[in-house]
Amino acid sequence: MPEQEHSFGQRLRRLRLRAGLSQEALAERAGLATAAVAALERGVRRSPYPQTVGALSNALGLSAEERATMAEAARPSLQHTSAALADTAPRTADRVDRTRGRGS
């Protein structure tokens, strides 16, 4: 369970609660939809755009150190990215082979 404690969503929720904000209030301050904040906290969206992280950090009034920690947590892990790329690699190779076959 230590991995969950360091996820972007868990950090966001902890910081939101520390600030005494509801998801709706944080979303309003950050210029986001409430559903977007909820999705980030639940881990449905795990790699928010840098602009989103910045807007949330501003809305929460985070220190420079906390902003850096949030930005780091928002980056997709190398392992997750590698697994996603490996998962799509065979399909991409199949498409290339089929495309070559058509031209022959």
Protein backbone atom coordinates (compact mmCIF):
# COMPACT_ATOMS: atom_id res chain seq x y z
CA MET A 1 0.00 0.00 0.00
CA PRO A 2 2.93 2.46 0.22
CA GLU A 3 2.71 2.95 -3.57
CA GLN A 4 -0.83 4.30 -3.23
CA GLU A 5 0.29 6.80 -0.59
CA HIS A 6 2.61 8.33 -3.18
CA SER A 7 0.17 8.43 -6.08
CA PHE A 8 -0.86 11.76 -7.51
CA GLY A 9 -4.49 11.18 -6.54
CA GLN A 10 -3.68 10.34 -2.94
CA ARG A 11 -1.45 13.39 -2.61
CA LEU A 12 -4.07 15.62 -4.19
CA ARG A 13 -6.78 14.38 -1.86
CA ARG A 14 -4.57 14.79 1.23
CA LEU A 15 -3.64 18.34 0.24
CA ARG A 16 -7.24 19.23 -0.61
CA LEU A 17 -8.46 18.01 2.76
CA ARG A 18 -5.62 19.81 4.53
CA ALA A 19 -6.76 23.02 2.80
CA GLY A 20 -10.32 22.35 3.99
CA LEU A 21 -11.71 22.31 0.47
CA SER A 22 -14.36 20.16 -1.15
CA GLN A 23 -13.67 18.73 -4.60
CA GLU A 24 -16.10 21.30 -5.99
CA ALA A 25 -14.36 24.22 -4.26
CA LEU A 26 -10.91 23.08 -5.42
CA ALA A 27 -12.19 22.60 -8.97
CA GLU A 28 -13.68 26.09 -8.99
CA ARG A 29 -10.46 27.67 -7.68
CA ALA A 30 -8.36 25.75 -10.22
CA GLY A 31 -10.70 26.36 -13.16
CA LEU A 32 -11.42 22.64 -13.57
CA ALA A 33 -14.53 20.51 -13.61
CA THR A 34 -15.42 18.81 -10.33
CA ALA A 35 -15.46 15.50 -12.22
CA ALA A 36 -11.84 16.09 -13.26
CA VAL A 37 -10.71 16.57 -9.65
CA ALA A 38 -12.66 13.47 -8.61
CA ALA A 39 -11.13 11.41 -11.45
CA LEU A 40 -7.63 12.49 -10.45
CA GLU A 41 -8.19 11.63 -6.80
CA ARG A 42 -9.65 8.21 -7.65
CA GLY A 43 -6.75 7.43 -9.99
CA VAL A 44 -8.95 7.25 -13.07
CA ARG A 45 -6.65 9.89 -14.55
CA ARG A 46 -3.12 9.28 -13.35
CA SER A 47 -1.02 11.64 -15.45
CA PRO A 48 -2.58 15.11 -15.55
CA TYR A 49 -1.30 17.78 -17.89
CA PRO A 50 1.37 20.10 -16.44
CA GLN A 51 -1.08 23.02 -16.70
CA THR A 52 -3.58 21.09 -14.57
CA VAL A 53 -0.95 20.34 -11.94
CA GLY A 54 0.00 24.02 -11.90
CA ALA A 55 -3.62 25.16 -11.57
CA LEU A 56 -4.21 22.72 -8.71
CA SER A 57 -0.97 23.76 -6.99
CA ASN A 58 -1.96 27.43 -7.24
CA ALA A 59 -5.47 26.72 -5.97
CA LEU A 60 -4.05 24.81 -3.00
CA GLY A 61 -1.41 27.45 -2.26
CA LEU A 62 1.41 24.90 -2.31
CA SER A 63 5.01 25.67 -1.41
CA ALA A 64 7.75 25.23 -4.00
CA GLU A 65 8.69 21.88 -2.44
CA GLU A 66 5.09 20.66 -2.46
CA ARG A 67 4.70 21.77 -6.09
CA ALA A 68 7.78 19.77 -7.06
CA THR A 69 6.44 16.71 -5.26
CA MET A 70 3.09 17.05 -7.02
CA ALA A 71 4.77 17.48 -10.41
CA GLU A 72 6.87 14.37 -9.80
CA ALA A 73 3.83 12.34 -8.73
CA ALA A 74 1.98 13.49 -11.87
CA ARG A 75 4.61 12.08 -14.22
CA PRO A 76 3.81 8.63 -15.51
CA SER A 77 6.18 6.07 -14.08
CA LEU A 78 8.76 4.65 -16.44
CA GLN A 79 7.51 1.16 -15.67
CA HIS A 80 3.89 2.11 -16.47
CA THR A 81 4.92 3.86 -19.70
CA SER A 82 7.12 0.94 -20.79
CA ALA A 83 4.31 -1.52 -20.14
CA ALA A 84 1.88 0.58 -22.17
CA LEU A 85 4.33 0.84 -25.05
CA ALA A 86 5.06 -2.88 -24.95
CA ASP A 87 1.34 -3.59 -25.01
CA THR A 88 0.84 -1.54 -28.21
CA ALA A 89 4.02 -2.66 -29.97
CA PRO A 90 2.62 -5.87 -31.52
CA ARG A 91 -0.42 -4.07 -32.89
CA THR A 92 1.75 -1.35 -34.41
CA ALA A 93 4.03 -3.96 -36.00
CA ASP A 94 0.99 -5.80 -37.40
CA ARG A 95 -0.27 -2.59 -38.99
CA VAL A 96 3.11 -1.92 -40.57
CA ASP A 97 3.25 -5.48 -41.97
CA ARG A 98 -0.26 -5.21 -43.41
CA THR A 99 0.58 -1.83 -44.99
CA ARG A 100 3.69 -3.30 -46.63
CA GLY A 101 1.70 -6.26 -47.87
CA ARG A 102 -0.79 -4.01 -49.68
CA GLY A 103 1.90 -2.26 -51.66
CA SER A 104 3.48 -5.47 -52.94
